N, C-alpha and C. Protein backbone atom coordinates (compact mmCIF):
# COMPACT_ATOMS: atom_id res chain seq x y z
N MET A 1 -19.02 -14.27 -21.32
CA MET A 1 -18.38 -13.86 -20.09
C MET A 1 -17.58 -12.58 -20.36
N ALA A 2 -17.84 -11.55 -19.57
CA ALA A 2 -17.13 -10.28 -19.74
C ALA A 2 -15.72 -10.38 -19.19
N ARG A 3 -14.79 -9.77 -19.88
CA ARG A 3 -13.40 -9.76 -19.45
C ARG A 3 -12.89 -8.33 -19.43
N GLY A 4 -11.82 -8.13 -18.70
CA GLY A 4 -11.23 -6.80 -18.65
C GLY A 4 -11.85 -5.95 -17.56
N LYS A 5 -11.47 -4.68 -17.58
CA LYS A 5 -11.96 -3.75 -16.57
C LYS A 5 -13.35 -3.24 -16.92
N LYS A 6 -14.11 -2.96 -15.90
CA LYS A 6 -15.41 -2.34 -16.09
C LYS A 6 -15.20 -0.87 -16.43
N LYS A 7 -16.16 -0.28 -17.08
CA LYS A 7 -16.10 1.12 -17.44
C LYS A 7 -15.90 1.96 -16.18
N GLY A 8 -14.91 2.83 -16.22
CA GLY A 8 -14.63 3.71 -15.08
C GLY A 8 -13.63 3.13 -14.10
N ALA A 9 -13.27 1.85 -14.25
CA ALA A 9 -12.31 1.24 -13.34
C ALA A 9 -10.91 1.78 -13.64
N THR A 10 -10.09 1.89 -12.61
CA THR A 10 -8.72 2.39 -12.79
C THR A 10 -7.73 1.42 -12.18
N SER A 11 -6.49 1.49 -12.64
CA SER A 11 -5.43 0.63 -12.13
C SER A 11 -4.51 1.38 -11.17
N PHE A 12 -4.60 2.69 -11.15
CA PHE A 12 -3.69 3.48 -10.34
C PHE A 12 -4.47 4.44 -9.45
N VAL A 13 -3.88 4.79 -8.32
CA VAL A 13 -4.41 5.82 -7.44
C VAL A 13 -3.27 6.76 -7.08
N SER A 14 -3.60 7.96 -6.72
CA SER A 14 -2.59 8.95 -6.32
C SER A 14 -2.52 8.99 -4.79
N VAL A 15 -1.32 8.75 -4.27
CA VAL A 15 -1.10 8.76 -2.83
C VAL A 15 0.09 9.66 -2.56
N SER A 16 -0.01 10.52 -1.57
CA SER A 16 1.10 11.43 -1.28
C SER A 16 2.29 10.66 -0.70
N LEU A 17 3.47 11.15 -0.98
CA LEU A 17 4.69 10.55 -0.44
C LEU A 17 4.67 10.63 1.09
N GLU A 18 4.11 11.69 1.62
CA GLU A 18 4.01 11.85 3.07
C GLU A 18 3.20 10.69 3.68
N THR A 19 2.10 10.33 3.04
CA THR A 19 1.28 9.22 3.53
C THR A 19 2.06 7.92 3.49
N LEU A 20 2.74 7.66 2.37
CA LEU A 20 3.54 6.43 2.27
C LEU A 20 4.64 6.39 3.32
N ASN A 21 5.29 7.52 3.55
CA ASN A 21 6.38 7.55 4.54
C ASN A 21 5.90 7.28 5.95
N THR A 22 4.64 7.60 6.25
CA THR A 22 4.13 7.34 7.59
C THR A 22 3.76 5.87 7.77
N ILE A 23 3.50 5.16 6.67
CA ILE A 23 3.07 3.77 6.74
C ILE A 23 4.21 2.79 6.53
N LEU A 24 5.11 3.10 5.60
CA LEU A 24 6.15 2.15 5.21
C LEU A 24 7.44 2.35 6.00
N ARG A 25 8.10 1.24 6.27
CA ARG A 25 9.43 1.30 6.89
C ARG A 25 10.42 1.75 5.82
N PRO A 26 11.52 2.38 6.21
CA PRO A 26 12.51 2.83 5.22
C PRO A 26 13.07 1.69 4.36
N GLU A 27 13.13 0.47 4.88
CA GLU A 27 13.69 -0.65 4.13
C GLU A 27 12.62 -1.45 3.38
N ALA A 28 11.38 -1.00 3.39
CA ALA A 28 10.29 -1.72 2.71
C ALA A 28 10.48 -1.70 1.19
N ASN A 29 10.14 -2.80 0.55
CA ASN A 29 10.12 -2.86 -0.91
C ASN A 29 8.76 -2.40 -1.39
N VAL A 30 8.76 -1.51 -2.37
CA VAL A 30 7.53 -0.96 -2.90
C VAL A 30 7.40 -1.36 -4.37
N LEU A 31 6.26 -1.93 -4.73
CA LEU A 31 6.03 -2.30 -6.12
C LEU A 31 5.69 -1.06 -6.92
N VAL A 32 6.44 -0.82 -7.98
CA VAL A 32 6.15 0.27 -8.91
C VAL A 32 6.21 -0.31 -10.32
N SER A 33 5.64 0.40 -11.26
CA SER A 33 5.69 -0.11 -12.63
C SER A 33 7.13 -0.03 -13.15
N ARG A 34 7.46 -0.96 -14.00
CA ARG A 34 8.80 -1.02 -14.59
C ARG A 34 9.08 0.28 -15.34
N ARG A 35 8.11 0.77 -16.07
CA ARG A 35 8.31 2.00 -16.85
C ARG A 35 8.52 3.21 -15.95
N PHE A 36 7.85 3.26 -14.82
CA PHE A 36 8.04 4.34 -13.86
C PHE A 36 9.48 4.32 -13.35
N ALA A 37 9.95 3.14 -12.97
CA ALA A 37 11.32 3.00 -12.46
C ALA A 37 12.34 3.38 -13.53
N GLU A 38 12.13 2.92 -14.76
CA GLU A 38 13.04 3.25 -15.86
C GLU A 38 13.08 4.75 -16.12
N THR A 39 11.94 5.40 -16.05
CA THR A 39 11.86 6.84 -16.27
C THR A 39 12.69 7.60 -15.24
N LEU A 40 12.68 7.12 -14.01
CA LEU A 40 13.43 7.78 -12.93
C LEU A 40 14.86 7.28 -12.81
N GLY A 41 15.23 6.30 -13.65
CA GLY A 41 16.58 5.75 -13.58
C GLY A 41 16.81 4.85 -12.38
N ILE A 42 15.74 4.24 -11.89
CA ILE A 42 15.82 3.35 -10.72
C ILE A 42 15.90 1.91 -11.21
N GLU A 43 16.84 1.15 -10.65
CA GLU A 43 16.92 -0.26 -10.98
C GLU A 43 16.27 -1.07 -9.87
N GLY A 44 15.62 -2.15 -10.24
CA GLY A 44 14.97 -3.00 -9.25
C GLY A 44 14.95 -4.43 -9.73
N ASP A 45 14.41 -5.30 -8.91
CA ASP A 45 14.30 -6.70 -9.25
C ASP A 45 13.00 -6.95 -10.01
N ARG A 46 13.08 -7.79 -11.03
CA ARG A 46 11.91 -8.16 -11.82
C ARG A 46 10.94 -8.94 -10.92
N VAL A 47 9.67 -8.64 -11.02
CA VAL A 47 8.65 -9.30 -10.21
C VAL A 47 7.66 -10.00 -11.13
N VAL A 48 7.44 -11.28 -10.88
CA VAL A 48 6.43 -12.04 -11.61
C VAL A 48 5.14 -11.92 -10.81
N GLY A 49 4.07 -11.48 -11.46
CA GLY A 49 2.82 -11.19 -10.75
C GLY A 49 1.99 -12.42 -10.45
N ASP A 50 2.35 -13.16 -9.42
CA ASP A 50 1.49 -14.26 -8.98
C ASP A 50 1.05 -13.99 -7.55
N GLY A 51 0.12 -14.75 -7.07
CA GLY A 51 -0.45 -14.53 -5.74
C GLY A 51 0.56 -14.61 -4.62
N LYS A 52 1.53 -15.52 -4.73
CA LYS A 52 2.53 -15.68 -3.67
C LYS A 52 3.38 -14.42 -3.52
N VAL A 53 3.78 -13.85 -4.64
CA VAL A 53 4.59 -12.63 -4.59
C VAL A 53 3.80 -11.49 -3.99
N MET A 54 2.56 -11.34 -4.40
CA MET A 54 1.74 -10.26 -3.88
C MET A 54 1.51 -10.42 -2.37
N ASP A 55 1.33 -11.66 -1.91
CA ASP A 55 1.17 -11.91 -0.47
C ASP A 55 2.42 -11.49 0.29
N THR A 56 3.59 -11.76 -0.29
CA THR A 56 4.86 -11.41 0.35
C THR A 56 4.97 -9.90 0.52
N TYR A 57 4.65 -9.15 -0.52
CA TYR A 57 4.73 -7.70 -0.42
C TYR A 57 3.70 -7.16 0.55
N GLY A 58 2.52 -7.72 0.55
CA GLY A 58 1.48 -7.26 1.47
C GLY A 58 1.80 -7.54 2.91
N SER A 59 2.54 -8.61 3.18
CA SER A 59 2.84 -8.97 4.57
C SER A 59 3.94 -8.11 5.17
N GLN A 60 4.59 -7.27 4.37
CA GLN A 60 5.63 -6.38 4.89
C GLN A 60 5.04 -5.24 5.71
N ILE A 61 3.79 -4.94 5.45
CA ILE A 61 3.18 -3.78 6.10
C ILE A 61 2.68 -4.17 7.48
N GLU A 62 3.19 -3.48 8.48
CA GLU A 62 2.75 -3.70 9.84
C GLU A 62 2.12 -2.41 10.33
N ILE A 63 0.88 -2.49 10.70
CA ILE A 63 0.18 -1.31 11.18
C ILE A 63 0.03 -1.43 12.69
N ALA A 64 0.59 -0.43 13.39
CA ALA A 64 0.52 -0.44 14.84
C ALA A 64 -0.82 0.14 15.27
N GLU A 65 -1.48 -0.57 16.17
CA GLU A 65 -2.75 -0.08 16.69
C GLU A 65 -2.51 0.48 18.09
N ASP A 66 -2.93 1.72 18.29
CA ASP A 66 -2.83 2.33 19.60
C ASP A 66 -4.07 1.97 20.40
N SER A 67 -3.86 1.66 21.66
CA SER A 67 -5.02 1.40 22.51
C SER A 67 -5.44 2.73 23.14
N LEU A 68 -6.71 2.97 23.12
CA LEU A 68 -7.25 4.21 23.64
C LEU A 68 -8.25 3.86 24.73
N GLU A 69 -8.03 4.43 25.90
CA GLU A 69 -8.95 4.16 27.00
C GLU A 69 -9.85 5.36 27.19
N ILE A 70 -11.14 5.13 27.22
CA ILE A 70 -12.11 6.20 27.40
C ILE A 70 -12.94 5.88 28.64
N ASN A 71 -12.97 6.83 29.54
CA ASN A 71 -13.77 6.65 30.75
C ASN A 71 -14.94 7.63 30.71
N VAL A 72 -16.13 7.09 30.79
CA VAL A 72 -17.35 7.90 30.76
C VAL A 72 -18.20 7.51 31.94
N SER A 73 -18.73 8.50 32.63
CA SER A 73 -19.62 8.20 33.74
C SER A 73 -20.95 8.94 33.51
N ASN A 74 -21.95 8.56 34.26
CA ASN A 74 -23.26 9.21 34.13
C ASN A 74 -23.19 10.68 34.48
N ASP A 75 -22.23 11.08 35.30
CA ASP A 75 -22.10 12.48 35.70
C ASP A 75 -21.65 13.37 34.55
N ASP A 76 -21.11 12.77 33.48
CA ASP A 76 -20.61 13.55 32.34
C ASP A 76 -21.75 14.07 31.47
N PHE A 77 -22.99 13.59 31.67
CA PHE A 77 -24.09 13.99 30.81
C PHE A 77 -25.06 14.87 31.50
């Protein structure tokens, strides 16, 4: 049985701060690596990586869907 990551798989992606700011509320908790936080001098709460914790962080994100009404008639073609 193969274990670990497949060749070419990555654990991180690059996302602009602008993108995160448009999606996340100012009071949202964001998971970052402990070493990243330590490097920046940021203190945070220790997180144990189990499914329940990950579900909690994922449920913080609320995406608003805009309704769009489109009216098309045969005369438009």
